[in-house]
Amino acid sequence: MLTIDPKKISTAKLQGYLQSAIAPRPIAFASTVDKNGKPNLSPFSFFNVFSANPPILVFSPARRVRDNSIKHTLINCQDTKQVVINVVNFDMVQQMSLSSTEYADGVNEFEKAGLTAIPSELVKPYRVAESPVQFECVVNQIIPLGTEGGAGNMIICEVVKIHINEAVLDANGIIDPVKIDLVSRLGGNWYSRANQGLFEVEKPLATLGIGVDAIPDFVKESPIFKGNDLGKLGNVEALPTEEEITIFVKQNFEVKGVLSADDEVKKHQLAKEYLDKNEALTAWKVLLAKQ
């Protein structure tokens, strides 16, 4: 892990890191803590870099349109004046999306999304270990842009420490746009993968997904499933019932064959095929099916 003090490198080099890490049309995966130290994690697509000297990032948690309420991230930034902004790459996009579910105050989105919280060095909010670049920030100013639903709140942050996973650097120590594999947010369910193009991510349910923390260990510990797979599995509202699983198995000869062979790896591989087709409930039926 390459750790940088922004005050100890040239502005030109710092600007290069900022521009490479925060592009294109990036997602601010903002980690905060409340005044009692409880963590919160939420993504925001109104986000960019605005200055290299001093290094300034700006993101905007908007008031909810439906009821004009404000988000926990904004409250925490008002109370603590600190935030960590983690960038989002393709390997964690499903877990990032799951974290945007509006869980109750005090629910740990790190746990719900199955992401790893690691301590920061200069601020209290945790970093997301899976993020390839993490910016520790202090909040310089919060500018309300209105008082009605949908109004933004510009949070102006100064970067005080940068952490970069060395796996995304090229031979010259510069962030490689292919290796970092950033994703960006578009309208509806659409995202863009910086080095490959458009793809869709199913929005978190209006109700609450079960979360990665509710997934059985035999699934979470399987080498077949990656973070994005766990994010999809955690986004279901409820697990299928025994009756639903029984009906599914009776109607699916491929599943019957896998169960008869008693091959756990093939069972997980079949579930992965359904996940790749965004059929999470069917994947669950395969995983929970018994001989």
C-alpha atoms as a PDB file:
ATOM      1  CA  MET A   1       0.000   0.000   0.000  1.00  0.00           C
ATOM      2  CA  LEU A   2       1.437   3.328  -1.101  1.00  0.00           C
ATOM      3  CA  THR A   3       0.679   6.037   1.471  1.00  0.00           C
ATOM      4  CA  ILE A   4       1.135   9.680   0.574  1.00  0.00           C
ATOM      5  CA  ASP A   5       1.188  12.940   2.514  1.00  0.00           C
ATOM      6  CA  PRO A   6      -0.188  15.497   0.031  1.00  0.00           C
ATOM      7  CA  LYS A   7       2.086  18.188   1.492  1.00  0.00           C
ATOM      8  CA  LYS A   8       5.244  16.219   0.690  1.00  0.00           C
ATOM      9  CA  ILE A   9       4.878  15.702  -3.056  1.00  0.00           C
ATOM     10  CA  SER A  10       4.679  18.167  -5.932  1.00  0.00           C
ATOM     11  CA  THR A  11       1.331  19.673  -6.875  1.00  0.00           C
ATOM     12  CA  ALA A  12       1.682  18.288 -10.406  1.00  0.00           C
ATOM     13  CA  LYS A  13       2.165  14.724  -9.134  1.00  0.00           C
ATOM     14  CA  LEU A  14      -0.643  15.093  -6.615  1.00  0.00           C
ATOM     15  CA  GLN A  15      -2.934  16.407  -9.338  1.00  0.00           C
ATOM     16  CA  GLY A  16      -2.064  13.381 -11.470  1.00  0.00           C
ATOM     17  CA  TYR A  17      -3.054  10.986  -8.722  1.00  0.00           C
ATOM     18  CA  LEU A  18      -6.311  12.855  -8.093  1.00  0.00           C
ATOM     19  CA  GLN A  19      -7.302  13.038 -11.754  1.00  0.00           C
ATOM     20  CA  SER A  20      -6.437   9.397 -12.395  1.00  0.00           C
ATOM     21  CA  ALA A  21      -8.260   8.055  -9.358  1.00  0.00           C
ATOM     22  CA  ILE A  22     -11.380  10.195  -9.614  1.00  0.00           C
ATOM     23  CA  ALA A  23     -12.513   9.559 -13.193  1.00  0.00           C
ATOM     24  CA  PRO A  24     -14.683   9.124 -15.187  1.00  0.00           C
ATOM     25  CA  ARG A  25     -17.823  10.597 -13.573  1.00  0.00           C
ATOM     26  CA  PRO A  26     -16.853   8.792 -10.405  1.00  0.00           C
ATOM     27  CA  ILE A  27     -18.682   7.506  -7.369  1.00  0.00           C
ATOM     28  CA  ALA A  28     -17.816   8.824  -3.914  1.00  0.00           C
ATOM     29  CA  PHE A  29     -18.125   5.863  -1.555  1.00  0.00           C
ATOM     30  CA  ALA A  30     -18.296   7.974   1.592  1.00  0.00           C
ATOM     31  CA  SER A  31     -17.474   6.509   4.980  1.00  0.00           C
ATOM     32  CA  THR A  32     -18.398   8.512   8.086  1.00  0.00           C
ATOM     33  CA  VAL A  33     -19.001   7.955  11.774  1.00  0.00           C
ATOM     34  CA  ASP A  34     -21.675   9.548  13.921  1.00  0.00           C
ATOM     35  CA  LYS A  35     -20.896  11.502  17.081  1.00  0.00           C
ATOM     36  CA  ASN A  36     -20.962   8.218  19.030  1.00  0.00           C
ATOM     37  CA  GLY A  37     -18.471   6.555  16.685  1.00  0.00           C
ATOM     38  CA  LYS A  38     -20.933   4.300  14.802  1.00  0.00           C
ATOM     39  CA  PRO A  39     -19.880   3.818  11.155  1.00  0.00           C
ATOM     40  CA  ASN A  40     -21.913   4.672   8.076  1.00  0.00           C
ATOM     41  CA  LEU A  41     -21.126   3.910   4.446  1.00  0.00           C
ATOM     42  CA  SER A  42     -22.962   5.245   1.394  1.00  0.00           C
ATOM     43  CA  PRO A  43     -22.223   6.000  -2.288  1.00  0.00           C
ATOM     44  CA  PHE A  44     -22.822   9.358  -3.979  1.00  0.00           C
ATOM     45  CA  SER A  45     -22.638  10.098  -7.700  1.00  0.00           C
ATOM     46  CA  PHE A  46     -22.568  13.911  -7.357  1.00  0.00           C
ATOM     47  CA  PHE A  47     -18.817  13.962  -6.879  1.00  0.00           C
ATOM     48  CA  ASN A  48     -15.535  15.165  -8.350  1.00  0.00           C
ATOM     49  CA  VAL A  49     -12.104  16.667  -7.706  1.00  0.00           C
ATOM     50  CA  PHE A  50     -12.012  20.472  -7.762  1.00  0.00           C
ATOM     51  CA  SER A  51      -8.482  21.447  -6.748  1.00  0.00           C
ATOM     52  CA  ALA A  52      -5.003  20.001  -6.419  1.00  0.00           C
ATOM     53  CA  ASN A  53      -3.405  22.688  -4.253  1.00  0.00           C
ATOM     54  CA  PRO A  54      -4.987  22.380  -1.759  1.00  0.00           C
ATOM     55  CA  PRO A  55      -6.349  18.919  -2.711  1.00  0.00           C
ATOM     56  CA  ILE A  56     -10.142  19.354  -2.622  1.00  0.00           C
ATOM     57  CA  LEU A  57     -12.899  16.816  -3.303  1.00  0.00           C
ATOM     58  CA  VAL A  58     -16.574  17.804  -3.360  1.00  0.00           C
ATOM     59  CA  PHE A  59     -19.597  15.529  -3.087  1.00  0.00           C
ATOM     60  CA  SER A  60     -23.245  16.264  -2.468  1.00  0.00           C
ATOM     61  CA  PRO A  61     -25.720  14.200  -0.422  1.00  0.00           C
ATOM     62  CA  ALA A  62     -29.081  15.432  -1.683  1.00  0.00           C
ATOM     63  CA  ARG A  63     -32.265  15.697   0.332  1.00  0.00           C
ATOM     64  CA  ARG A  64     -34.547  12.770  -0.410  1.00  0.00           C
ATOM     65  CA  VAL A  65     -37.162  13.682  -2.979  1.00  0.00           C
ATOM     66  CA  ARG A  66     -39.973  11.643  -1.451  1.00  0.00           C
ATOM     67  CA  ASP A  67     -39.940  13.132   2.072  1.00  0.00           C
ATOM     68  CA  ASN A  68     -37.291  15.903   2.133  1.00  0.00           C
ATOM     69  CA  SER A  69     -35.271  14.067   4.800  1.00  0.00           C
ATOM     70  CA  ILE A  70     -31.478  14.276   4.920  1.00  0.00           C
ATOM     71  CA  LYS A  71     -29.021  11.415   4.847  1.00  0.00           C
ATOM     72  CA  HIS A  72     -26.913  10.049   7.688  1.00  0.00           C
ATOM     73  CA  THR A  73     -23.741  10.933   5.771  1.00  0.00           C
ATOM     74  CA  LEU A  74     -24.651  14.625   5.814  1.00  0.00           C
ATOM     75  CA  ILE A  75     -25.521  14.567   9.516  1.00  0.00           C
ATOM     76  CA  ASN A  76     -22.261  12.808  10.337  1.00  0.00           C
ATOM     77  CA  CYS A  77     -20.205  15.277   8.297  1.00  0.00           C
ATOM     78  CA  GLN A  78     -21.942  18.161  10.081  1.00  0.00           C
ATOM     79  CA  ASP A  79     -21.214  16.605  13.487  1.00  0.00           C
ATOM     80  CA  THR A  80     -17.639  15.302  13.019  1.00  0.00           C
ATOM     81  CA  LYS A  81     -16.203  17.315  10.087  1.00  0.00           C
ATOM     82  CA  GLN A  82     -14.497  14.161   8.790  1.00  0.00           C
ATOM     83  CA  VAL A  83     -15.078  11.676   5.955  1.00  0.00           C
ATOM     84  CA  VAL A  84     -13.215   9.028   3.970  1.00  0.00           C
ATOM     85  CA  ILE A  85     -13.984   8.943   0.251  1.00  0.00           C
ATOM     86  CA  ASN A  86     -13.271   5.552  -1.312  1.00  0.00           C
ATOM     87  CA  VAL A  87     -13.305   5.115  -5.093  1.00  0.00           C
ATOM     88  CA  VAL A  88     -15.312   2.257  -6.620  1.00  0.00           C
ATOM     89  CA  ASN A  89     -13.986  -0.274  -9.110  1.00  0.00           C
ATOM     90  CA  PHE A  90     -15.787  -3.088 -10.905  1.00  0.00           C
ATOM     91  CA  ASP A  91     -14.844  -5.795  -8.386  1.00  0.00           C
ATOM     92  CA  MET A  92     -16.893  -4.108  -5.636  1.00  0.00           C
ATOM     93  CA  VAL A  93     -19.739  -2.478  -7.587  1.00  0.00           C
ATOM     94  CA  GLN A  94     -22.465  -4.900  -6.442  1.00  0.00           C
ATOM     95  CA  GLN A  95     -21.485  -4.518  -2.786  1.00  0.00           C
ATOM     96  CA  MET A  96     -21.344  -0.749  -3.192  1.00  0.00           C
ATOM     97  CA  SER A  97     -24.847  -0.809  -4.660  1.00  0.00           C
ATOM     98  CA  LEU A  98     -26.133  -2.973  -1.791  1.00  0.00           C
ATOM     99  CA  SER A  99     -24.749  -0.480   0.725  1.00  0.00           C
ATOM    100  CA  SER A 100     -27.005   2.216  -0.742  1.00  0.00           C
ATOM    101  CA  THR A 101     -30.028   0.406   0.710  1.00  0.00           C
ATOM    102  CA  GLU A 102     -31.594   2.697   3.288  1.00  0.00           C
ATOM    103  CA  TYR A 103     -30.974   0.649   6.397  1.00  0.00           C
ATOM    104  CA  ALA A 104     -32.023   2.087   9.749  1.00  0.00           C
ATOM    105  CA  ASP A 105     -29.799   4.491  11.641  1.00  0.00           C
ATOM    106  CA  GLY A 106     -27.048   2.565  13.425  1.00  0.00           C
ATOM    107  CA  VAL A 107     -27.015  -0.404  11.013  1.00  0.00           C
ATOM    108  CA  ASN A 108     -23.443  -1.060   9.879  1.00  0.00           C
ATOM    109  CA  GLU A 109     -23.356  -0.908   6.061  1.00  0.00           C
ATOM    110  CA  PHE A 110     -19.849  -2.383   6.050  1.00  0.00           C
ATOM    111  CA  GLU A 111     -21.308  -5.580   7.481  1.00  0.00           C
ATOM    112  CA  LYS A 112     -24.445  -5.512   5.319  1.00  0.00           C
ATOM    113  CA  ALA A 113     -22.378  -5.085   2.152  1.00  0.00           C
ATOM    114  CA  GLY A 114     -19.687  -7.548   3.222  1.00  0.00           C
ATOM    115  CA  LEU A 115     -16.924  -4.964   2.961  1.00  0.00           C
ATOM    116  CA  THR A 116     -13.863  -4.679   5.179  1.00  0.00           C
ATOM    117  CA  ALA A 117     -13.527  -1.652   7.485  1.00  0.00           C
ATOM    118  CA  ILE A 118      -9.932  -0.680   8.238  1.00  0.00           C
ATOM    119  CA  PRO A 119      -8.752   2.197  10.466  1.00  0.00           C
ATOM    120  CA  SER A 120      -7.710   5.505   8.993  1.00  0.00           C
ATOM    121  CA  GLU A 121      -4.563   7.291  10.083  1.00  0.00           C
ATOM    122  CA  LEU A 122      -5.666  10.909  10.532  1.00  0.00           C
ATOM    123  CA  VAL A 123      -9.478  10.772  10.734  1.00  0.00           C
ATOM    124  CA  LYS A 124     -11.997   8.642  12.632  1.00  0.00           C
ATOM    125  CA  PRO A 125     -14.113   7.181   9.771  1.00  0.00           C
ATOM    126  CA  TYR A 126     -12.977   3.787   8.508  1.00  0.00           C
ATOM    127  CA  ARG A 127     -11.609   3.074   5.062  1.00  0.00           C
ATOM    128  CA  VAL A 128     -12.978   0.407   2.705  1.00  0.00           C
ATOM    129  CA  ALA A 129     -10.157  -2.115   2.291  1.00  0.00           C
ATOM    130  CA  GLU A 130     -11.514  -3.315  -1.056  1.00  0.00           C
ATOM    131  CA  SER A 131     -11.324   0.161  -2.589  1.00  0.00           C
ATOM    132  CA  PRO A 132      -8.180   0.693  -4.698  1.00  0.00           C
ATOM    133  CA  VAL A 133      -7.796   4.346  -3.626  1.00  0.00           C
ATOM    134  CA  GLN A 134      -8.935   5.844  -0.324  1.00  0.00           C
ATOM    135  CA  PHE A 135      -8.889   9.542   0.584  1.00  0.00           C
ATOM    136  CA  GLU A 136      -8.891  10.586   4.227  1.00  0.00           C
ATOM    137  CA  CYS A 137     -10.532  14.019   4.374  1.00  0.00           C
ATOM    138  CA  VAL A 138     -11.491  16.812   6.732  1.00  0.00           C
ATOM    139  CA  VAL A 139     -14.650  18.774   5.953  1.00  0.00           C
ATOM    140  CA  ASN A 140     -13.839  22.423   5.268  1.00  0.00           C
ATOM    141  CA  GLN A 141     -17.351  23.629   4.448  1.00  0.00           C
ATOM    142  CA  ILE A 142     -20.896  22.415   3.832  1.00  0.00           C
ATOM    143  CA  ILE A 143     -23.017  24.523   1.489  1.00  0.00           C
ATOM    144  CA  PRO A 144     -26.784  23.828   1.422  1.00  0.00           C
ATOM    145  CA  LEU A 145     -28.138  24.325  -2.091  1.00  0.00           C
ATOM    146  CA  GLY A 146     -31.798  24.467  -1.112  1.00  0.00           C
ATOM    147  CA  THR A 147     -34.356  23.381   1.431  1.00  0.00           C
ATOM    148  CA  GLU A 148     -36.698  21.221  -0.652  1.00  0.00           C
ATOM    149  CA  GLY A 149     -36.530  17.537  -1.614  1.00  0.00           C
ATOM    150  CA  GLY A 150     -33.789  16.911  -4.140  1.00  0.00           C
ATOM    151  CA  ALA A 151     -31.683  19.856  -2.993  1.00  0.00           C
ATOM    152  CA  GLY A 152     -28.004  19.092  -2.698  1.00  0.00           C
ATOM    153  CA  ASN A 153     -25.596  19.839   0.108  1.00  0.00           C
ATOM    154  CA  MET A 154     -22.088  20.473  -1.191  1.00  0.00           C
ATOM    155  CA  ILE A 155     -19.556  18.963   1.182  1.00  0.00           C
ATOM    156  CA  ILE A 156     -16.155  20.475   0.469  1.00  0.00           C
ATOM    157  CA  CYS A 157     -13.408  18.168   1.724  1.00  0.00           C
ATOM    158  CA  GLU A 158      -9.645  18.584   1.972  1.00  0.00           C
ATOM    159  CA  VAL A 159      -7.564  15.459   1.445  1.00  0.00           C
ATOM    160  CA  VAL A 160      -5.117  14.900   4.302  1.00  0.00           C
ATOM    161  CA  LYS A 161      -3.953  11.379   3.442  1.00  0.00           C
ATOM    162  CA  ILE A 162      -4.129   9.159   0.360  1.00  0.00           C
ATOM    163  CA  HIS A 163      -3.865   5.365   0.291  1.00  0.00           C
ATOM    164  CA  ILE A 164      -3.313   3.621  -3.052  1.00  0.00           C
ATOM    165  CA  ASN A 165      -3.258  -0.116  -3.653  1.00  0.00           C
ATOM    166  CA  GLU A 166       0.050  -0.669  -5.442  1.00  0.00           C
ATOM    167  CA  ALA A 167      -1.608  -3.290  -7.664  1.00  0.00           C
ATOM    168  CA  VAL A 168      -3.214  -0.464  -9.695  1.00  0.00           C
ATOM    169  CA  LEU A 169       0.091   1.317 -10.391  1.00  0.00           C
ATOM    170  CA  ASP A 170       2.150   0.955 -13.557  1.00  0.00           C
ATOM    171  CA  ALA A 171       5.932   0.531 -13.740  1.00  0.00           C
ATOM    172  CA  ASN A 172       6.386   4.293 -13.284  1.00  0.00           C
ATOM    173  CA  GLY A 173       4.267   4.455 -10.130  1.00  0.00           C
ATOM    174  CA  ILE A 174       1.327   6.106 -11.933  1.00  0.00           C
ATOM    175  CA  ILE A 175      -2.269   4.902 -11.639  1.00  0.00           C
ATOM    176  CA  ASP A 176      -3.032   2.642 -14.594  1.00  0.00           C
ATOM    177  CA  PRO A 177      -6.596   3.298 -15.889  1.00  0.00           C
ATOM    178  CA  VAL A 178      -7.002  -0.343 -16.949  1.00  0.00           C
ATOM    179  CA  LYS A 179      -5.742  -1.811 -13.686  1.00  0.00           C
ATOM    180  CA  ILE A 180      -7.831   0.455 -11.459  1.00  0.00           C
ATOM    181  CA  ASP A 181     -10.961  -0.506 -13.456  1.00  0.00           C
ATOM    182  CA  LEU A 182     -13.163   2.345 -12.200  1.00  0.00           C
ATOM    183  CA  VAL A 183     -16.933   2.397 -12.593  1.00  0.00           C
ATOM    184  CA  SER A 184     -19.176   5.413 -13.044  1.00  0.00           C
ATOM    185  CA  ARG A 185     -22.856   6.077 -12.495  1.00  0.00           C
ATOM    186  CA  LEU A 186     -25.411   6.833 -15.179  1.00  0.00           C
ATOM    187  CA  GLY A 187     -29.220   7.083 -15.058  1.00  0.00           C
ATOM    188  CA  GLY A 188     -31.547   4.263 -14.040  1.00  0.00           C
ATOM    189  CA  ASN A 189     -29.741   0.973 -13.474  1.00  0.00           C
ATOM    190  CA  TRP A 190     -26.874   1.894 -15.784  1.00  0.00           C
ATOM    191  CA  TYR A 191     -23.196   2.092 -14.926  1.00  0.00           C
ATOM    192  CA  SER A 192     -20.082   2.323 -17.061  1.00  0.00           C
ATOM    193  CA  ARG A 193     -16.926   0.330 -16.584  1.00  0.00           C
ATOM    194  CA  ALA A 194     -14.095   2.647 -17.539  1.00  0.00           C
ATOM    195  CA  ASN A 195     -12.176   0.097 -19.590  1.00  0.00           C
ATOM    196  CA  GLN A 196     -15.092  -1.902 -21.084  1.00  0.00           C
ATOM    197  CA  GLY A 197     -18.343   0.060 -21.371  1.00  0.00           C
ATOM    198  CA  LEU A 198     -21.930  -0.010 -20.124  1.00  0.00           C
ATOM    199  CA  PHE A 199     -23.537  -2.539 -17.804  1.00  0.00           C
ATOM    200  CA  GLU A 200     -26.528  -2.680 -15.473  1.00  0.00           C
ATOM    201  CA  VAL A 201     -26.742  -3.149 -11.722  1.00  0.00           C
ATOM    202  CA  GLU A 202     -30.141  -3.934 -10.274  1.00  0.00           C
ATOM    203  CA  LYS A 203     -31.112  -1.221  -7.812  1.00  0.00           C
ATOM    204  CA  PRO A 204     -31.393  -2.232  -4.148  1.00  0.00           C
ATOM    205  CA  LEU A 205     -34.935  -3.120  -3.199  1.00  0.00           C
ATOM    206  CA  ALA A 206     -37.347  -0.532  -1.830  1.00  0.00           C
ATOM    207  CA  THR A 207     -37.553  -2.818   1.176  1.00  0.00           C
ATOM    208  CA  LEU A 208     -34.323  -4.116   2.732  1.00  0.00           C
ATOM    209  CA  GLY A 209     -32.005  -6.722   1.260  1.00  0.00           C
ATOM    210  CA  ILE A 210     -30.912  -9.412   3.712  1.00  0.00           C
ATOM    211  CA  GLY A 211     -27.305  -8.215   3.459  1.00  0.00           C
ATOM    212  CA  VAL A 212     -24.053 -10.115   3.045  1.00  0.00           C
ATOM    213  CA  ASP A 213     -23.894 -10.591   6.812  1.00  0.00           C
ATOM    214  CA  ALA A 214     -26.953 -12.879   6.560  1.00  0.00           C
ATOM    215  CA  ILE A 215     -25.356 -15.164   3.960  1.00  0.00           C
ATOM    216  CA  PRO A 216     -24.307 -18.569   5.401  1.00  0.00           C
ATOM    217  CA  ASP A 217     -20.577 -19.120   5.879  1.00  0.00           C
ATOM    218  CA  PHE A 218     -20.500 -22.045   3.425  1.00  0.00           C
ATOM    219  CA  VAL A 219     -21.417 -19.557   0.693  1.00  0.00           C
ATOM    220  CA  LYS A 220     -19.214 -16.672   1.852  1.00  0.00           C
ATOM    221  CA  GLU A 221     -16.209 -18.986   2.205  1.00  0.00           C
ATOM    222  CA  SER A 222     -16.660 -20.644  -1.200  1.00  0.00           C
ATOM    223  CA  PRO A 223     -13.855 -19.848  -3.671  1.00  0.00           C
ATOM    224  CA  ILE A 224     -16.468 -19.730  -6.447  1.00  0.00           C
ATOM    225  CA  PHE A 225     -18.082 -16.493  -5.268  1.00  0.00           C
ATOM    226  CA  LYS A 226     -16.481 -13.053  -5.420  1.00  0.00           C
ATOM    227  CA  GLY A 227     -17.569  -9.803  -3.783  1.00  0.00           C
ATOM    228  CA  ASN A 228     -19.973  -8.917  -6.583  1.00  0.00           C
ATOM    229  CA  ASP A 229     -21.641 -12.342  -6.288  1.00  0.00           C
ATOM    230  CA  LEU A 230     -22.131 -11.860  -2.553  1.00  0.00           C
ATOM    231  CA  GLY A 231     -23.560  -8.402  -3.221  1.00  0.00           C
ATOM    232  CA  LYS A 232     -26.183  -9.896  -5.531  1.00  0.00           C
ATOM    233  CA  LEU A 233     -27.055 -12.638  -3.048  1.00  0.00           C
ATOM    234  CA  GLY A 234     -27.354 -10.093  -0.237  1.00  0.00           C
ATOM    235  CA  ASN A 235     -29.716  -7.901  -2.252  1.00  0.00           C
ATOM    236  CA  VAL A 236     -32.663 -10.313  -2.083  1.00  0.00           C
ATOM    237  CA  GLU A 237     -35.506  -9.333   0.221  1.00  0.00           C
ATOM    238  CA  ALA A 238     -35.942 -12.840   1.647  1.00  0.00           C
ATOM    239  CA  LEU A 239     -34.601 -16.343   1.071  1.00  0.00           C
ATOM    240  CA  PRO A 240     -36.789 -18.750  -0.931  1.00  0.00           C
ATOM    241  CA  THR A 241     -39.034 -21.017   1.124  1.00  0.00           C
ATOM    242  CA  GLU A 242     -38.562 -24.785   1.337  1.00  0.00           C
ATOM    243  CA  GLU A 243     -41.676 -25.223  -0.799  1.00  0.00           C
ATOM    244  CA  GLU A 244     -40.295 -22.904  -3.501  1.00  0.00           C
ATOM    245  CA  ILE A 245     -36.978 -24.768  -3.475  1.00  0.00           C
ATOM    246  CA  THR A 246     -38.699 -28.174  -3.708  1.00  0.00           C
ATOM    247  CA  ILE A 247     -40.803 -27.088  -6.694  1.00  0.00           C
ATOM    248  CA  PHE A 248     -37.743 -25.619  -8.407  1.00  0.00           C
ATOM    249  CA  VAL A 249     -35.691 -28.805  -7.967  1.00  0.00           C
ATOM    250  CA  LYS A 250     -38.514 -31.001  -9.289  1.00  0.00           C
ATOM    251  CA  GLN A 251     -38.689 -28.894 -12.442  1.00  0.00           C
ATOM    252  CA  ASN A 252     -34.927 -28.584 -13.037  1.00  0.00           C
ATOM    253  CA  PHE A 253     -33.072 -31.685 -14.251  1.00  0.00           C
ATOM    254  CA  GLU A 254     -29.678 -29.973 -14.104  1.00  0.00           C
ATOM    255  CA  VAL A 255     -30.089 -29.221 -10.414  1.00  0.00           C
ATOM    256  CA  LYS A 256     -31.259 -32.791  -9.782  1.00  0.00           C
ATOM    257  CA  GLY A 257     -28.101 -34.065 -11.448  1.00  0.00           C
ATOM    258  CA  VAL A 258     -25.830 -31.847  -9.386  1.00  0.00           C
ATOM    259  CA  LEU A 259     -27.574 -32.896  -6.180  1.00  0.00           C
ATOM    260  CA  SER A 260     -27.338 -36.585  -7.092  1.00  0.00           C
ATOM    261  CA  ALA A 261     -23.603 -36.219  -7.684  1.00  0.00           C
ATOM    262  CA  ASP A 262     -23.257 -34.599  -4.240  1.00  0.00           C
ATOM    263  CA  ASP A 263     -20.652 -32.220  -5.702  1.00  0.00           C
ATOM    264  CA  GLU A 264     -20.561 -28.959  -3.733  1.00  0.00           C
ATOM    265  CA  VAL A 265     -18.236 -27.262  -6.213  1.00  0.00           C
ATOM    266  CA  LYS A 266     -20.549 -27.982  -9.172  1.00  0.00           C
ATOM    267  CA  LYS A 267     -23.490 -26.790  -7.094  1.00  0.00           C
ATOM    268  CA  HIS A 268     -21.765 -23.485  -6.426  1.00  0.00           C
ATOM    269  CA  GLN A 269     -20.707 -23.188 -10.059  1.00  0.00           C
ATOM    270  CA  LEU A 270     -24.309 -23.652 -11.171  1.00  0.00           C
ATOM    271  CA  ALA A 271     -25.457 -20.990  -8.689  1.00  0.00           C
ATOM    272  CA  LYS A 272     -22.747 -18.690 -10.075  1.00  0.00           C
ATOM    273  CA  GLU A 273     -24.141 -19.164 -13.592  1.00  0.00           C
ATOM    274  CA  TYR A 274     -27.523 -17.908 -12.391  1.00  0.00           C
ATOM    275  CA  LEU A 275     -25.879 -14.965 -10.628  1.00  0.00           C
ATOM    276  CA  ASP A 276     -24.096 -14.040 -13.840  1.00  0.00           C
ATOM    277  CA  LYS A 277     -27.569 -13.824 -15.421  1.00  0.00           C
ATOM    278  CA  ASN A 278     -28.725 -11.649 -12.488  1.00  0.00           C
ATOM    279  CA  GLU A 279     -31.075 -14.378 -11.245  1.00  0.00           C
ATOM    280  CA  ALA A 280     -30.185 -14.155  -7.561  1.00  0.00           C
ATOM    281  CA  LEU A 281     -33.305 -15.885  -6.205  1.00  0.00           C
ATOM    282  CA  THR A 282     -32.728 -18.852  -8.507  1.00  0.00           C
ATOM    283  CA  ALA A 283     -29.099 -18.977  -7.371  1.00  0.00           C
ATOM    284  CA  TRP A 284     -30.343 -19.137  -3.780  1.00  0.00           C
ATOM    285  CA  LYS A 285     -32.658 -22.044  -4.663  1.00  0.00           C
ATOM    286  CA  VAL A 286     -29.660 -23.946  -6.023  1.00  0.00           C
ATOM    287  CA  LEU A 287     -27.498 -23.166  -2.988  1.00  0.00           C
ATOM    288  CA  LEU A 288     -30.194 -24.164  -0.472  1.00  0.00           C
ATOM    289  CA  ALA A 289     -31.401 -27.264  -2.339  1.00  0.00           C
ATOM    290  CA  LYS A 290     -30.834 -30.615  -0.620  1.00  0.00           C
ATOM    291  CA  GLN A 291     -30.787 -34.197  -1.836  1.00  0.00           C
END
